[in-house]
PDB file of N, CA and C in Angstrom:
ATOM      1  N   MET A   1       0.820  -0.881  -0.122  1.00  0.00           N
ATOM      2  CA  MET A   1      -0.154   0.140   0.042  1.00  0.00           C
ATOM      3  C   MET A   1       0.744   1.274  -0.079  1.00  0.00           C
ATOM      4  N   GLY A   2       1.985   1.541   0.823  1.00  0.00           N
ATOM      5  CA  GLY A   2       2.570   2.597   0.765  1.00  0.00           C
ATOM      6  C   GLY A   2       3.364   2.817  -0.184  1.00  0.00           C
ATOM      7  N   PHE A   3       3.711   1.865  -0.828  1.00  0.00           N
ATOM      8  CA  PHE A   3       4.298   1.579  -2.241  1.00  0.00           C
ATOM      9  C   PHE A   3       3.474   2.476  -3.708  1.00  0.00           C
ATOM     10  N   LEU A   4       2.565   1.467  -3.668  1.00  0.00           N
ATOM     11  CA  LEU A   4       1.436   2.446  -4.401  1.00  0.00           C
ATOM     12  C   LEU A   4       1.339   3.649  -4.118  1.00  0.00           C
ATOM     13  N   LEU A   5       1.035   4.041  -2.942  1.00  0.00           N
ATOM     14  CA  LEU A   5       1.055   5.734  -2.313  1.00  0.00           C
ATOM     15  C   LEU A   5       2.219   6.383  -2.711  1.00  0.00           C
ATOM     16  N   ARG A   6       3.078   5.913  -2.795  1.00  0.00           N
ATOM     17  CA  ARG A   6       4.708   6.896  -2.716  1.00  0.00           C
ATOM     18  C   ARG A   6       4.462   7.193  -4.647  1.00  0.00           C
ATOM     19  N   LYS A   7       4.010   5.901  -5.043  1.00  0.00           N
ATOM     20  CA  LYS A   7       4.198   6.027  -6.802  1.00  0.00           C
ATOM     21  C   LYS A   7       3.208   6.862  -7.417  1.00  0.00           C
ATOM     22  N   SER A   8       2.031   6.839  -6.679  1.00  0.00           N
ATOM     23  CA  SER A   8       0.999   7.876  -7.173  1.00  0.00           C
ATOM     24  C   SER A   8       1.561   9.354  -6.889  1.00  0.00           C
ATOM     25  N   GLY A   9       1.969   9.592  -5.627  1.00  0.00           N
ATOM     26  CA  GLY A   9       2.515  10.639  -5.402  1.00  0.00           C
ATOM     27  C   GLY A   9       3.499  11.448  -6.232  1.00  0.00           C
ATOM     28  N   TYR A  10       4.408  10.350  -6.605  1.00  0.00           N
ATOM     29  CA  TYR A  10       5.292  10.945  -7.760  1.00  0.00           C
ATOM     30  C   TYR A  10       4.637  11.212  -9.097  1.00  0.00           C
ATOM     31  N   LEU A  11       3.522  10.382  -9.608  1.00  0.00           N
ATOM     32  CA  LEU A  11       2.859  10.720 -10.769  1.00  0.00           C
ATOM     33  C   LEU A  11       2.327  12.115 -10.469  1.00  0.00           C
ATOM     34  N   VAL A  12       1.699  12.261  -9.620  1.00  0.00           N
ATOM     35  CA  VAL A  12       0.642  13.471  -9.265  1.00  0.00           C
ATOM     36  C   VAL A  12       1.880  14.781  -9.296  1.00  0.00           C
ATOM     37  N   ALA A  13       3.209  14.618  -8.862  1.00  0.00           N
ATOM     38  CA  ALA A  13       3.992  15.807  -8.268  1.00  0.00           C
ATOM     39  C   ALA A  13       4.478  15.883 -10.016  1.00  0.00           C
ATOM     40  N   VAL A  14       4.734  14.915 -10.856  1.00  0.00           N
ATOM     41  CA  VAL A  14       5.265  14.963 -12.462  1.00  0.00           C
ATOM     42  C   VAL A  14       4.314  15.774 -12.987  1.00  0.00           C
ATOM     43  N   ALA A  15       3.065  15.181 -12.476  1.00  0.00           N
ATOM     44  CA  ALA A  15       1.786  15.797 -13.912  1.00  0.00           C
ATOM     45  C   ALA A  15       1.754  17.557 -13.298  1.00  0.00           C
ATOM     46  N   PHE A  16       1.926  17.663 -11.724  1.00  0.00           N
ATOM     47  CA  PHE A  16       1.812  18.896 -11.499  1.00  0.00           C
ATOM     48  C   PHE A  16       3.237  19.796 -12.148  1.00  0.00           C
ATOM     49  N   LEU A  17       4.270  19.537 -12.153  1.00  0.00           N
ATOM     50  CA  LEU A  17       5.061  20.032 -12.681  1.00  0.00           C
ATOM     51  C   LEU A  17       5.205  20.433 -14.267  1.00  0.00           C
ATOM     52  N   GLY A  18       4.754  19.245 -14.928  1.00  0.00           N
ATOM     53  CA  GLY A  18       4.258  19.497 -16.261  1.00  0.00           C
ATOM     54  C   GLY A  18       3.249  20.575 -16.426  1.00  0.00           C
ATOM     55  N   LEU A  19       2.298  20.263 -15.657  1.00  0.00           N
ATOM     56  CA  LEU A  19       1.080  21.472 -15.992  1.00  0.00           C
ATOM     57  C   LEU A  19       1.669  22.958 -15.751  1.00  0.00           C
ATOM     58  N   CYS A  20       2.391  23.062 -14.631  1.00  0.00           N
ATOM     59  CA  CYS A  20       3.283  24.152 -14.664  1.00  0.00           C
ATOM     60  C   CYS A  20       4.001  24.573 -15.898  1.00  0.00           C
ATOM     61  N   ALA A  21       4.559  23.740 -16.326  1.00  0.00           N
ATOM     62  CA  ALA A  21       5.947  24.202 -17.145  1.00  0.00           C
ATOM     63  C   ALA A  21       4.701  24.668 -18.344  1.00  0.00           C
ATOM     64  N   PHE A  22       3.745  23.941 -18.418  1.00  0.00           N
ATOM     65  CA  PHE A  22       2.925  24.344 -19.954  1.00  0.00           C
ATOM     66  C   PHE A  22       2.529  25.587 -19.602  1.00  0.00           C
ATOM     67  N   VAL A  23       2.089  26.125 -18.396  1.00  0.00           N
ATOM     68  CA  VAL A  23       1.341  27.149 -18.152  1.00  0.00           C
ATOM     69  C   VAL A  23       2.248  28.457 -18.400  1.00  0.00           C
ATOM     70  N   ILE A  24       3.423  28.175 -17.652  1.00  0.00           N
ATOM     71  CA  ILE A  24       4.548  29.139 -17.855  1.00  0.00           C
ATOM     72  C   ILE A  24       4.833  29.167 -18.976  1.00  0.00           C
ATOM     73  N   LEU A  25       5.109  28.181 -19.930  1.00  0.00           N
ATOM     74  CA  LEU A  25       5.728  28.532 -21.310  1.00  0.00           C
ATOM     75  C   LEU A  25       4.717  29.309 -22.410  1.00  0.00           C
ATOM     76  N   ARG A  26       3.125  28.902 -21.861  1.00  0.00           N
ATOM     77  CA  ARG A  26       1.975  29.694 -22.728  1.00  0.00           C
ATOM     78  C   ARG A  26       1.798  30.902 -22.419  1.00  0.00           C
ATOM     79  N   GLY A  27       2.079  31.345 -21.156  1.00  0.00           N
ATOM     80  CA  GLY A  27       1.637  32.501 -20.673  1.00  0.00           C
ATOM     81  C   GLY A  27       2.071  33.695 -21.367  1.00  0.00           C
ATOM     82  N   PRO A  28       1.671  34.717 -20.913  1.00  0.00           N
ATOM     83  CA  PRO A  28       2.322  36.179 -21.496  1.00  0.00           C
ATOM     84  C   PRO A  28       3.553  36.181 -21.645  1.00  0.00           C
ATOM     85  N   GLN A  29       4.365  35.601 -20.736  1.00  0.00           N
ATOM     86  CA  GLN A  29       5.759  35.906 -20.598  1.00  0.00           C
ATOM     87  C   GLN A  29       6.808  34.720 -21.023  1.00  0.00           C
ATOM     88  N   GLY A  30       5.999  33.651 -21.728  1.00  0.00           N
ATOM     89  CA  GLY A  30       6.353  32.465 -22.138  1.00  0.00           C
ATOM     90  C   GLY A  30       7.157  32.481 -23.508  1.00  0.00           C
ATOM     91  N   MET A  31       6.846  31.348 -24.281  1.00  0.00           N
ATOM     92  CA  MET A  31       7.328  31.347 -25.577  1.00  0.00           C
ATOM     93  C   MET A  31       6.851  32.329 -26.588  1.00  0.00           C
ATOM     94  N   PRO A  32       6.067  32.711 -26.959  1.00  0.00           N
ATOM     95  CA  PRO A  32       5.410  33.738 -27.560  1.00  0.00           C
ATOM     96  C   PRO A  32       6.176  35.535 -27.393  1.00  0.00           C
ATOM     97  N   SER A  33       6.327  35.495 -25.785  1.00  0.00           N
ATOM     98  CA  SER A  33       7.071  36.784 -25.868  1.00  0.00           C
ATOM     99  C   SER A  33       8.594  36.425 -26.178  1.00  0.00           C
ATOM    100  N   LEU A  34       8.895  35.553 -25.630  1.00  0.00           N
ATOM    101  CA  LEU A  34      10.319  35.323 -26.489  1.00  0.00           C
ATOM    102  C   LEU A  34      10.534  35.673 -27.753  1.00  0.00           C
ATOM    103  N   ILE A  35       9.539  34.685 -28.562  1.00  0.00           N
ATOM    104  CA  ILE A  35       9.876  34.924 -30.068  1.00  0.00           C
ATOM    105  C   ILE A  35       9.655  36.427 -30.409  1.00  0.00           C
ATOM    106  N   GLU A  36       8.901  37.038 -29.843  1.00  0.00           N
ATOM    107  CA  GLU A  36       8.603  38.465 -30.043  1.00  0.00           C
ATOM    108  C   GLU A  36       9.932  39.625 -29.671  1.00  0.00           C
ATOM    109  N   LYS A  37      10.528  39.012 -28.593  1.00  0.00           N
ATOM    110  CA  LYS A  37      11.752  39.635 -28.683  1.00  0.00           C
ATOM    111  C   LYS A  37      12.881  39.254 -29.292  1.00  0.00           C
ATOM    112  N   ARG A  38      12.982  38.118 -29.747  1.00  0.00           N
ATOM    113  CA  ARG A  38      13.811  37.591 -30.729  1.00  0.00           C
ATOM    114  C   ARG A  38      13.914  38.666 -32.185  1.00  0.00           C
ATOM    115  N   LYS A  39      12.613  38.472 -32.390  1.00  0.00           N
ATOM    116  CA  LYS A  39      12.519  39.619 -33.906  1.00  0.00           C
ATOM    117  C   LYS A  39      12.807  41.066 -33.660  1.00  0.00           C
ATOM    118  N   GLU A  40      12.542  41.486 -32.255  1.00  0.00           N
ATOM    119  CA  GLU A  40      12.892  43.115 -31.814  1.00  0.00           C
ATOM    120  C   GLU A  40      14.306  43.174 -32.071  1.00  0.00           C
ATOM    121  N   ILE A  41      15.204  41.778 -31.457  1.00  0.00           N
ATOM    122  CA  ILE A  41      16.494  41.810 -31.168  1.00  0.00           C
ATOM    123  C   ILE A  41      17.066  41.833 -32.754  1.00  0.00           C
ATOM    124  N   GLN A  42      16.468  41.229 -33.488  1.00  0.00           N
ATOM    125  CA  GLN A  42      16.809  40.962 -34.881  1.00  0.00           C
ATOM    126  C   GLN A  42      16.723  42.246 -35.898  1.00  0.00           C
ATOM    127  N   ALA A  43      15.474  42.809 -35.542  1.00  0.00           N
ATOM    128  CA  ALA A  43      15.465  44.308 -36.254  1.00  0.00           C
ATOM    129  C   ALA A  43      16.010  45.107 -35.730  1.00  0.00           C
ATOM    130  N   MET A  44      16.703  45.218 -34.751  1.00  0.00           N
ATOM    131  CA  MET A  44      17.627  46.420 -33.795  1.00  0.00           C
ATOM    132  C   MET A  44      19.076  46.052 -34.254  1.00  0.00           C
ATOM    133  N   GLN A  45      19.063  44.725 -34.619  1.00  0.00           N
ATOM    134  CA  GLN A  45      20.887  44.508 -35.186  1.00  0.00           C
ATOM    135  C   GLN A  45      20.713  44.867 -36.363  1.00  0.00           C
ATOM    136  N   GLU A  46      19.665  44.647 -37.520  1.00  0.00           N
ATOM    137  CA  GLU A  46      19.591  45.251 -38.816  1.00  0.00           C
ATOM    138  C   GLU A  46      19.679  46.955 -38.972  1.00  0.00           C
ATOM    139  N   LEU A  47      19.159  47.351 -37.748  1.00  0.00           N
ATOM    140  CA  LEU A  47      19.058  48.806 -37.980  1.00  0.00           C
ATOM    141  C   LEU A  47      20.726  49.445 -37.308  1.00  0.00           C
ATOM    142  N   ASN A  48      21.087  48.587 -36.496  1.00  0.00           N
ATOM    143  CA  ASN A  48      22.312  48.496 -36.189  1.00  0.00           C
ATOM    144  C   ASN A  48      23.493  48.575 -37.247  1.00  0.00           C
ATOM    145  N   ALA A  49      23.460  48.032 -37.968  1.00  0.00           N
ATOM    146  CA  ALA A  49      24.522  47.424 -39.253  1.00  0.00           C
ATOM    147  C   ALA A  49      24.146  48.657 -40.058  1.00  0.00           C
ATOM    148  N   ASP A  50      22.977  49.170 -40.197  1.00  0.00           N
ATOM    149  CA  ASP A  50      22.347  49.972 -41.311  1.00  0.00           C
ATOM    150  C   ASP A  50      23.330  51.163 -40.791  1.00  0.00           C
ATOM    151  N   LEU A  51      23.248  51.726 -39.474  1.00  0.00           N
ATOM    152  CA  LEU A  51      23.608  52.802 -39.017  1.00  0.00           C
ATOM    153  C   LEU A  51      25.281  52.840 -39.178  1.00  0.00           C
ATOM    154  N   GLN A  52      25.868  51.455 -38.712  1.00  0.00           N
ATOM    155  CA  GLN A  52      27.247  51.455 -39.046  1.00  0.00           C
ATOM    156  C   GLN A  52      27.785  51.789 -40.116  1.00  0.00           C
ATOM    157  N   ASN A  53      27.092  51.294 -41.232  1.00  0.00           N
ATOM    158  CA  ASN A  53      27.321  51.249 -42.438  1.00  0.00           C
ATOM    159  C   ASN A  53      27.256  52.921 -43.089  1.00  0.00           C
ATOM    160  N   GLN A  54      26.233  53.555 -42.518  1.00  0.00           N
ATOM    161  CA  GLN A  54      26.314  55.160 -42.821  1.00  0.00           C
ATOM    162  C   GLN A  54      27.360  55.972 -41.960  1.00  0.00           C
ATOM    163  N   ILE A  55      27.399  55.513 -40.969  1.00  0.00           N
ATOM    164  CA  ILE A  55      28.938  56.306 -40.098  1.00  0.00           C
ATOM    165  C   ILE A  55      30.134  55.862 -41.215  1.00  0.00           C
ATOM    166  N   GLU A  56      30.538  54.753 -41.729  1.00  0.00           N
ATOM    167  CA  GLU A  56      31.603  54.281 -42.116  1.00  0.00           C
ATOM    168  C   GLU A  56      31.557  55.172 -43.601  1.00  0.00           C
ATOM    169  N   LYS A  57      30.504  55.475 -44.254  1.00  0.00           N
ATOM    170  CA  LYS A  57      30.396  56.323 -45.411  1.00  0.00           C
ATOM    171  C   LYS A  57      30.672  57.321 -44.837  1.00  0.00           C
ATOM    172  N   LYS A  58      30.112  58.136 -44.103  1.00  0.00           N
ATOM    173  CA  LYS A  58      30.209  59.632 -43.427  1.00  0.00           C
ATOM    174  C   LYS A  58      31.786  59.958 -43.191  1.00  0.00           C
ATOM    175  N   ARG A  59      32.552  58.736 -42.497  1.00  0.00           N
ATOM    176  CA  ARG A  59      33.859  58.839 -42.385  1.00  0.00           C
ATOM    177  C   ARG A  59      34.808  58.877 -43.665  1.00  0.00           C
ATOM    178  N   ALA A  60      34.789  58.173 -44.196  1.00  0.00           N
ATOM    179  CA  ALA A  60      35.398  57.997 -45.827  1.00  0.00           C
ATOM    180  C   ALA A  60      35.119  59.398 -46.223  1.00  0.00           C
ATOM    181  N   ARG A  61      33.807  60.062 -46.378  1.00  0.00           N
ATOM    182  CA  ARG A  61      33.604  61.343 -47.072  1.00  0.00           C
ATOM    183  C   ARG A  61      34.313  62.291 -46.286  1.00  0.00           C
ATOM    184  N   ILE A  62      34.312  62.350 -45.174  1.00  0.00           N
ATOM    185  CA  ILE A  62      35.078  63.550 -44.168  1.00  0.00           C
ATOM    186  C   ILE A  62      36.596  63.303 -44.506  1.00  0.00           C
ATOM    187  N   GLU A  63      37.231  61.955 -44.752  1.00  0.00           N
ATOM    188  CA  GLU A  63      38.628  61.705 -45.011  1.00  0.00           C
ATOM    189  C   GLU A  63      38.776  62.207 -46.465  1.00  0.00           C
ATOM    190  N   ARG A  64      38.078  61.812 -47.355  1.00  0.00           N
ATOM    191  CA  ARG A  64      38.079  62.515 -48.503  1.00  0.00           C
ATOM    192  C   ARG A  64      38.159  64.206 -48.785  1.00  0.00           C
ATOM    193  N   LEU A  65      37.317  64.587 -47.638  1.00  0.00           N
ATOM    194  CA  LEU A  65      37.480  66.135 -47.637  1.00  0.00           C
ATOM    195  C   LEU A  65      38.512  66.590 -46.838  1.00  0.00           C
ATOM    196  N   LYS A  66      39.361  65.947 -46.033  1.00  0.00           N
ATOM    197  CA  LYS A  66      40.531  66.333 -45.121  1.00  0.00           C
ATOM    198  C   LYS A  66      41.864  66.435 -46.331  1.00  0.00           C
ATOM    199  N   THR A  67      41.496  65.498 -47.218  1.00  0.00           N
ATOM    200  CA  THR A  67      42.689  65.350 -47.705  1.00  0.00           C
ATOM    201  C   THR A  67      42.656  65.757 -49.555  1.00  0.00           C
ATOM    202  N   SER A  68      41.496  65.965 -49.978  1.00  0.00           N
ATOM    203  CA  SER A  68      41.529  66.506 -51.374  1.00  0.00           C
ATOM    204  C   SER A  68      41.134  67.791 -51.538  1.00  0.00           C
ATOM    205  N   GLU A  69      41.875  68.773 -51.936  1.00  0.00           N
ATOM    206  CA  GLU A  69      41.489  69.913 -52.423  1.00  0.00           C
ATOM    207  C   GLU A  69      40.256  69.837 -53.339  1.00  0.00           C
ATOM    208  N   ALA A  70      40.393  69.440 -54.081  1.00  0.00           N
ATOM    209  CA  ALA A  70      39.221  69.394 -55.286  1.00  0.00           C
ATOM    210  C   ALA A  70      37.980  68.829 -54.495  1.00  0.00           C
ATOM    211  N   GLU A  71      37.679  67.885 -53.596  1.00  0.00           N
ATOM    212  CA  GLU A  71      36.676  67.723 -53.187  1.00  0.00           C
ATOM    213  C   GLU A  71      36.034  68.807 -51.748  1.00  0.00           C
ATOM    214  N   GLN A  72      37.187  69.391 -51.761  1.00  0.00           N
ATOM    215  CA  GLN A  72      36.679  70.374 -50.562  1.00  0.00           C
ATOM    216  C   GLN A  72      36.051  71.772 -51.340  1.00  0.00           C
ATOM    217  N   GLU A  73      36.915  72.063 -52.394  1.00  0.00           N
ATOM    218  CA  GLU A  73      36.227  73.226 -53.197  1.00  0.00           C
ATOM    219  C   GLU A  73      34.905  72.748 -54.137  1.00  0.00           C
ATOM    220  N   LEU A  74      34.609  71.614 -54.255  1.00  0.00           N
ATOM    221  CA  LEU A  74      33.361  71.175 -55.062  1.00  0.00           C
ATOM    222  C   LEU A  74      32.283  71.308 -53.840  1.00  0.00           C
ATOM    223  N   GLU A  75      32.531  70.860 -52.488  1.00  0.00           N
ATOM    224  CA  GLU A  75      31.661  71.023 -51.512  1.00  0.00           C
ATOM    225  C   GLU A  75      31.413  72.572 -51.039  1.00  0.00           C
ATOM    226  N   ILE A  76      32.462  73.263 -51.108  1.00  0.00           N
ATOM    227  CA  ILE A  76      32.158  74.584 -50.703  1.00  0.00           C
ATOM    228  C   ILE A  76      31.291  75.269 -51.796  1.00  0.00           C
ATOM    229  N   ARG A  77      31.801  75.182 -53.134  1.00  0.00           N
ATOM    230  CA  ARG A  77      31.056  75.598 -54.048  1.00  0.00           C
ATOM    231  C   ARG A  77      29.629  75.374 -53.884  1.00  0.00           C
ATOM    232  N   GLU A  78      29.292  73.977 -53.785  1.00  0.00           N
ATOM    233  CA  GLU A  78      27.752  73.497 -53.727  1.00  0.00           C
ATOM    234  C   GLU A  78      27.288  74.159 -52.475  1.00  0.00           C
ATOM    235  N   ARG A  79      27.730  74.206 -51.534  1.00  0.00           N
ATOM    236  CA  ARG A  79      26.964  74.481 -50.181  1.00  0.00           C
ATOM    237  C   ARG A  79      26.878  76.159 -50.161  1.00  0.00           C
ATOM    238  N   LEU A  80      27.845  76.855 -50.683  1.00  0.00           N
ATOM    239  CA  LEU A  80      27.479  78.540 -50.732  1.00  0.00           C
ATOM    240  C   LEU A  80      27.078  78.883 -51.956  1.00  0.00           C
ATOM    241  N   LYS A  81      26.703  77.902 -53.017  1.00  0.00           N
ATOM    242  CA  LYS A  81      26.401  78.124 -54.386  1.00  0.00           C
ATOM    243  C   LYS A  81      27.319  79.476 -55.051  1.00  0.00           C
ATOM    244  N   LEU A  82      28.462  78.990 -55.127  1.00  0.00           N
ATOM    245  CA  LEU A  82      29.748  79.931 -55.512  1.00  0.00           C
ATOM    246  C   LEU A  82      29.756  79.678 -57.297  1.00  0.00           C
ATOM    247  N   LEU A  83      30.098  80.452 -58.005  1.00  0.00           N
ATOM    248  CA  LEU A  83      30.550  80.309 -59.093  1.00  0.00           C
ATOM    249  C   LEU A  83      32.187  80.833 -59.558  1.00  0.00           C
ATOM    250  N   ARG A  84      32.750  80.159 -60.426  1.00  0.00           N
ATOM    251  CA  ARG A  84      33.828  80.707 -60.879  1.00  0.00           C
ATOM    252  C   ARG A  84      33.813  82.036 -61.993  1.00  0.00           C
ATOM    253  N   LYS A  85      34.475  82.831 -62.543  1.00  0.00           N
ATOM    254  CA  LYS A  85      34.544  83.647 -63.477  1.00  0.00           C
ATOM    255  C   LYS A  85      34.290  82.925 -64.698  1.00  0.00           C
ATOM    256  N   GLY A  86      33.163  83.246 -65.236  1.00  0.00           N
ATOM    257  CA  GLY A  86      32.555  82.661 -66.729  1.00  0.00           C
ATOM    258  C   GLY A  86      31.945  81.632 -66.667  1.00  0.00           C
ATOM    259  N   GLU A  87      31.634  81.186 -65.431  1.00  0.00           N
ATOM    260  CA  GLU A  87      30.436  80.352 -65.428  1.00  0.00           C
ATOM    261  C   GLU A  87      28.944  80.881 -65.380  1.00  0.00           C
ATOM    262  N   THR A  88      28.151  80.110 -65.681  1.00  0.00           N
ATOM    263  CA  THR A  88      26.730  80.363 -65.474  1.00  0.00           C
ATOM    264  C   THR A  88      25.983  79.580 -65.010  1.00  0.00           C
ATOM    265  N   ARG A  89      25.180  79.827 -64.096  1.00  0.00           N
ATOM    266  CA  ARG A  89      24.482  78.821 -63.501  1.00  0.00           C
ATOM    267  C   ARG A  89      22.771  78.930 -63.877  1.00  0.00           C
ATOM    268  N   PHE A  90      22.189  78.105 -64.273  1.00  0.00           N
ATOM    269  CA  PHE A  90      20.828  78.122 -64.794  1.00  0.00           C
ATOM    270  C   PHE A  90      19.879  77.261 -63.997  1.00  0.00           C
ATOM    271  N   ILE A  91      19.040  77.849 -63.487  1.00  0.00           N
ATOM    272  CA  ILE A  91      18.106  77.549 -62.118  1.00  0.00           C
ATOM    273  C   ILE A  91      16.847  77.415 -62.957  1.00  0.00           C
ATOM    274  N   THR A  92      16.347  76.043 -62.902  1.00  0.00           N
ATOM    275  CA  THR A  92      15.055  75.869 -63.441  1.00  0.00           C
ATOM    276  C   THR A  92      14.142  75.495 -62.628  1.00  0.00           C
ATOM    277  N   PRO A  93      12.513  75.919 -62.839  1.00  0.00           N
ATOM    278  CA  PRO A  93      11.714  75.394 -61.959  1.00  0.00           C
ATOM    279  C   PRO A  93      11.577  74.046 -61.866  1.00  0.00           C
ATOM    280  N   GLU A  94      11.221  73.514 -60.613  1.00  0.00           N
ATOM    281  CA  GLU A  94      11.116  72.232 -60.370  1.00  0.00           C
ATOM    282  C   GLU A  94       9.595  71.672 -61.214  1.00  0.00           C
ATOM    283  N   ALA A  95       9.649  70.648 -61.835  1.00  0.00           N
ATOM    284  CA  ALA A  95       8.026  70.321 -62.355  1.00  0.00           C
ATOM    285  C   ALA A  95       7.346  69.916 -61.075  1.00  0.00           C
ATOM    286  N   PRO A  96       5.869  70.024 -61.414  1.00  0.00           N
ATOM    287  CA  PRO A  96       5.136  69.458 -60.471  1.00  0.00           C
ATOM    288  C   PRO A  96       5.370  67.706 -60.084  1.00  0.00           C
ATOM    289  N   ALA A  97       5.064  67.388 -58.997  1.00  0.00           N
ATOM    290  CA  ALA A  97       5.372  65.792 -58.879  1.00  0.00           C
ATOM    291  C   ALA A  97       4.264  65.344 -59.481  1.00  0.00           C
ATOM    292  N   SER A  98       2.856  65.429 -59.431  1.00  0.00           N
ATOM    293  CA  SER A  98       1.985  64.994 -60.014  1.00  0.00           C
ATOM    294  C   SER A  98       0.888  66.114 -60.769  1.00  0.00           C
ATOM    295  N   SER A  99       0.264  65.772 -61.823  1.00  0.00           N
ATOM    296  CA  SER A  99      -0.545  66.880 -62.616  1.00  0.00           C
ATOM    297  C   SER A  99      -1.946  66.303 -62.465  1.00  0.00           C
ATOM    298  N   ALA A 100      -2.834  67.477 -61.924  1.00  0.00           N
ATOM    299  CA  ALA A 100      -4.039  67.391 -61.468  1.00  0.00           C
ATOM    300  C   ALA A 100      -4.679  67.879 -62.569  1.00  0.00           C
ATOM    301  N   GLN A 101      -5.722  67.228 -63.122  1.00  0.00           N
ATOM    302  CA  GLN A 101      -6.449  67.535 -64.355  1.00  0.00           C
ATOM    303  C   GLN A 101      -7.731  67.225 -64.101  1.00  0.00           C
TER     304      GLN A 101
END
């Protein structure tokens, strides 16, 4: 009788632990939450990689501006809208994005 009672007690304990594990994994802090967090992490890693790429491009541009006088002159002329003697700049009106008729 004692052996049977002990064995059924183990069975009840294992069933209870299995039920607790099921509830914990299916609950709001369980597997769905874990999957969502992994997707968020992946999206953040992709964003981080894109931002890192942009930073590298800007560093390369800064380095070109530091070393190349032609690049510096072009940047200055473009930003300040300067022209050399004899140059003519034509400003054309922008076309409308969509024609409404």
